[in-house]
C-alpha cells in the first residue's frame, strides 16, 4: 500500500486493488480525472465509487467506514476507517478533537492514523494516545509543530517523505515504536 499527499489536503492511498482519494473535494475535477481513482471520499466523481454519506462500504477489496464524529447528529463526515491489504487506516479531519467510548469501539484497532492536526493540536494528543496507532501521519502542520508533536508523543525520529509504503508486516508486533512521518 502506498500513501501520499496530493495538493494541500488530499490523500492518495493505493492498495493492491484500488486507488482511493480522501478529501477529494479539495481537488479540481480535472486533477481528479487525471488521477483516475477507483474510490473517492467526500466528492462525487463520475465512473468512480464515491463515498459522501455515513455508512459502511466494500468495493475493490477495500472495506471503508465513513463516520461522523458526532454519532447522534450524523452531520459532519470527518472520520474514515479503511481496511485494505490487511492494514487499518483511520483518517481524521481537524474537527475531530475527542472521541466517545462508543466511537472508539466503532473505529477499533488502527495501524496508521492520518490526522489533520491544523489548529490547536495539543487537545488532540490525548486522542492520538487513545487510538494508539503505530504510525501517525500529521497533515497541514508547520515544521516546528511537527517537531513539538514528536516530542510530546515520545517519537525520536521524524521522517519527511513524498510517499510512504506500508505493509501488514510492519504492524504485526505488539512491541513497537510509534513512528511519525510527514508527507511533503
Protein backbone atom coordinates (compact mmCIF):
# COMPACT_ATOMS: atom_id res chain seq x y z
CA UNK A 1 0.00 0.00 0.00
CA UNK A 2 1.27 3.46 -0.87
CA UNK A 3 0.16 6.68 0.84
CA UNK A 4 0.98 10.16 -0.44
CA UNK A 5 -0.25 13.72 -0.19
CA UNK A 6 -1.89 15.38 -3.19
CA UNK A 7 -2.17 19.15 -3.13
CA UNK A 8 -2.75 20.83 0.21
CA UNK A 9 -5.20 18.48 1.92
CA UNK A 10 -5.96 15.42 -0.19
CA UNK A 11 -4.53 11.93 0.33
CA UNK A 12 -3.90 9.20 -2.22
CA UNK A 13 -3.96 5.61 -0.96
CA UNK A 14 -3.06 2.93 -3.49
CA UNK A 15 -3.83 -0.62 -2.43
CA UNK A 16 -3.30 -3.80 -4.44
CA UNK A 17 -6.79 -3.46 -5.91
CA UNK A 18 -7.89 0.16 -5.55
CA UNK A 19 -6.84 3.78 -5.76
CA UNK A 20 -8.56 5.82 -3.03
CA UNK A 21 -8.54 9.62 -2.83
CA UNK A 22 -9.50 11.05 0.58
CA UNK A 23 -10.73 14.65 0.76
CA UNK A 24 -11.23 14.56 -2.99
CA UNK A 25 -13.49 17.60 -2.58
CA UNK A 26 -10.31 19.69 -2.23
CA UNK A 27 -9.16 18.83 -5.77
CA UNK A 28 -10.29 20.26 -9.08
CA UNK A 29 -12.28 17.90 -11.26
CA UNK A 30 -9.59 17.91 -13.97
CA UNK A 31 -6.96 16.83 -11.41
CA UNK A 32 -9.25 14.08 -10.10
CA UNK A 33 -9.87 12.78 -13.60
CA UNK A 34 -6.10 12.59 -14.24
CA UNK A 35 -5.58 10.64 -11.02
CA UNK A 36 -8.29 8.15 -12.07
CA UNK A 37 -9.30 6.97 -8.58
CA UNK A 38 -11.49 3.93 -8.04
CA UNK A 39 -12.88 5.35 -4.78
CA UNK A 40 -13.29 8.94 -3.60
CA UNK A 41 -14.08 10.14 -0.11
CA UNK A 42 -16.06 13.38 0.14
CA UNK A 43 -16.58 14.02 -3.57
CA UNK A 44 -18.88 12.60 -6.18
CA UNK A 45 -16.92 11.72 -9.28
CA UNK A 46 -18.14 10.07 -12.48
CA UNK A 47 -17.03 6.48 -13.10
CA UNK A 48 -15.90 6.13 -9.51
CA UNK A 49 -17.25 4.70 -6.25
CA UNK A 50 -17.92 7.89 -4.27
CA UNK A 51 -18.49 7.98 -0.51
CA UNK A 52 -20.23 11.14 0.66
CA UNK A 53 -22.51 9.92 3.44
CA UNK A 54 -22.10 7.88 6.65
CA UNK A 55 -22.06 4.12 6.37
CA UNK A 56 -20.03 1.01 5.72
CA UNK A 57 -18.88 0.29 2.19
CA UNK A 58 -17.00 -2.51 0.48
CA UNK A 59 -15.56 -2.34 -3.02
CA UNK A 60 -12.34 -3.27 -4.80
CA UNK A 61 -11.15 -5.36 -1.81
CA UNK A 62 -11.35 -2.29 0.45
CA UNK A 63 -13.70 -2.01 3.40
CA UNK A 64 -14.46 1.60 4.36
CA UNK A 65 -16.41 3.14 7.25
CA UNK A 66 -17.47 6.77 6.89
CA UNK A 67 -18.30 8.09 10.35
CA UNK A 68 -19.44 11.43 11.72
CA UNK A 69 -17.59 12.34 14.93
CA UNK A 70 -20.98 13.07 16.48
CA UNK A 71 -22.90 9.81 16.08
CA UNK A 72 -26.13 11.42 17.32
CA UNK A 73 -26.32 14.20 14.72
CA UNK A 74 -24.60 12.41 11.81
CA UNK A 75 -23.74 15.78 10.26
CA UNK A 76 -20.03 16.17 9.60
CA UNK A 77 -18.40 13.24 7.91
CA UNK A 78 -14.97 13.65 9.47
CA UNK A 79 -13.67 10.14 10.20
CA UNK A 80 -12.86 7.40 7.71
CA UNK A 81 -11.59 3.94 8.54
CA UNK A 82 -10.12 1.97 5.65
CA UNK A 83 -9.24 -1.69 5.85
CA UNK A 84 -7.29 -2.89 2.81
CA UNK A 85 -4.25 -5.09 2.25
CA UNK A 86 -4.60 -6.18 5.91
CA UNK A 87 -3.78 -2.64 7.10
CA UNK A 88 -6.25 -0.44 9.01
CA UNK A 89 -6.02 3.28 8.38
CA UNK A 90 -8.00 6.00 10.12
CA UNK A 91 -8.29 9.46 8.60
CA UNK A 92 -9.42 12.24 10.94
CA UNK A 93 -10.27 15.78 9.90
CA UNK A 94 -9.19 18.73 12.02
CA UNK A 95 -12.69 18.90 13.56
CA UNK A 96 -12.13 15.63 15.45
CA UNK A 97 -10.92 16.64 18.92
CA UNK A 98 -12.40 14.00 21.19
CA UNK A 99 -13.97 10.57 20.87
CA UNK A 100 -16.73 8.94 22.83
CA UNK A 101 -16.25 5.38 24.10
CA UNK A 102 -18.80 4.22 21.52
CA UNK A 103 -16.84 5.91 18.73
CA UNK A 104 -13.52 4.39 19.88
CA UNK A 105 -15.14 0.94 19.82
CA UNK A 106 -16.57 1.58 16.35
CA UNK A 107 -13.17 2.69 15.00
CA UNK A 108 -11.33 -0.26 16.52
CA UNK A 109 -7.63 -1.04 16.27
CA UNK A 110 -5.76 1.28 13.92
CA UNK A 111 -2.32 0.77 12.35
CA UNK A 112 -1.98 4.15 10.60
CA UNK A 113 -3.56 7.43 11.70
CA UNK A 114 -3.67 10.25 9.15
CA UNK A 115 -4.74 13.28 11.14
CA UNK A 116 -5.28 16.89 10.13
CA UNK A 117 -3.67 18.48 13.16
CA UNK A 118 -4.25 22.03 11.96
CA UNK A 119 -5.15 24.39 14.77
CA UNK A 120 -4.64 23.66 18.45
CA UNK A 121 -3.05 20.24 18.19
CA UNK A 122 -2.42 19.93 21.95
CA UNK A 123 -6.00 18.84 22.63
CA UNK A 124 -5.54 16.12 20.01
CA UNK A 125 -2.56 14.45 21.73
CA UNK A 126 -4.82 12.51 24.13
CA UNK A 127 -6.88 11.35 21.18
CA UNK A 128 -3.76 10.00 19.42
CA UNK A 129 -2.78 8.17 22.61
CA UNK A 130 -6.30 6.74 22.89
CA UNK A 131 -6.30 5.43 19.30
CA UNK A 132 -2.73 4.12 19.81
CA UNK A 133 -1.67 3.78 16.15
CA UNK A 134 1.78 2.54 15.22
CA UNK A 135 2.24 5.22 12.55
CA UNK A 136 0.97 8.82 12.64
CA UNK A 137 0.93 10.95 9.50
CA UNK A 138 0.19 14.55 10.53
CA UNK A 139 -1.38 16.80 7.91
CA UNK A 140 -1.45 20.59 7.49
CA UNK A 141 1.18 21.41 10.08
CA UNK A 142 4.14 23.72 10.33
CA UNK A 143 7.54 22.07 10.73
CA UNK A 144 8.03 23.36 14.27
CA UNK A 145 4.63 21.98 15.29
CA UNK A 146 5.51 18.54 13.88
CA UNK A 147 8.71 18.58 15.97
CA UNK A 148 6.72 19.53 19.07
CA UNK A 149 4.19 16.75 18.48
CA UNK A 150 7.02 14.23 18.04
CA UNK A 151 8.49 15.36 21.34
CA UNK A 152 5.15 15.11 23.16
CA UNK A 153 4.49 11.65 21.69
CA UNK A 154 7.99 10.47 22.56
CA UNK A 155 8.97 9.92 18.92
CA UNK A 156 12.72 10.20 18.45
CA UNK A 157 12.92 10.40 14.65
CA UNK A 158 10.52 12.17 12.35
CA UNK A 159 10.91 11.46 8.68
CA UNK A 160 9.63 13.51 5.78
CA UNK A 161 8.69 11.56 2.68
CA UNK A 162 6.95 12.22 -0.63
CA UNK A 163 5.17 8.89 -0.21
CA UNK A 164 5.24 6.04 2.24
CA UNK A 165 4.81 2.33 1.59
CA UNK A 166 3.15 0.31 4.32
CA UNK A 167 2.61 -3.43 4.65
CA UNK A 168 0.73 -5.52 7.18
CA UNK A 169 4.05 -7.00 8.36
CA UNK A 170 5.09 -3.50 9.52
CA UNK A 171 2.36 -3.63 12.16
CA UNK A 172 2.44 -7.21 13.37
CA UNK A 173 4.49 -6.64 16.54
CA UNK A 174 2.97 -5.77 19.91
CA UNK A 175 6.34 -4.31 20.88
CA UNK A 176 6.59 -1.31 18.56
CA UNK A 177 7.96 2.20 18.46
CA UNK A 178 5.50 4.88 17.41
CA UNK A 179 6.56 6.46 14.11
CA UNK A 180 5.76 9.92 12.79
CA UNK A 181 6.03 10.58 9.05
CA UNK A 182 5.32 13.96 7.47
CA UNK A 183 4.25 13.77 3.83
CA UNK A 184 5.57 16.54 1.61
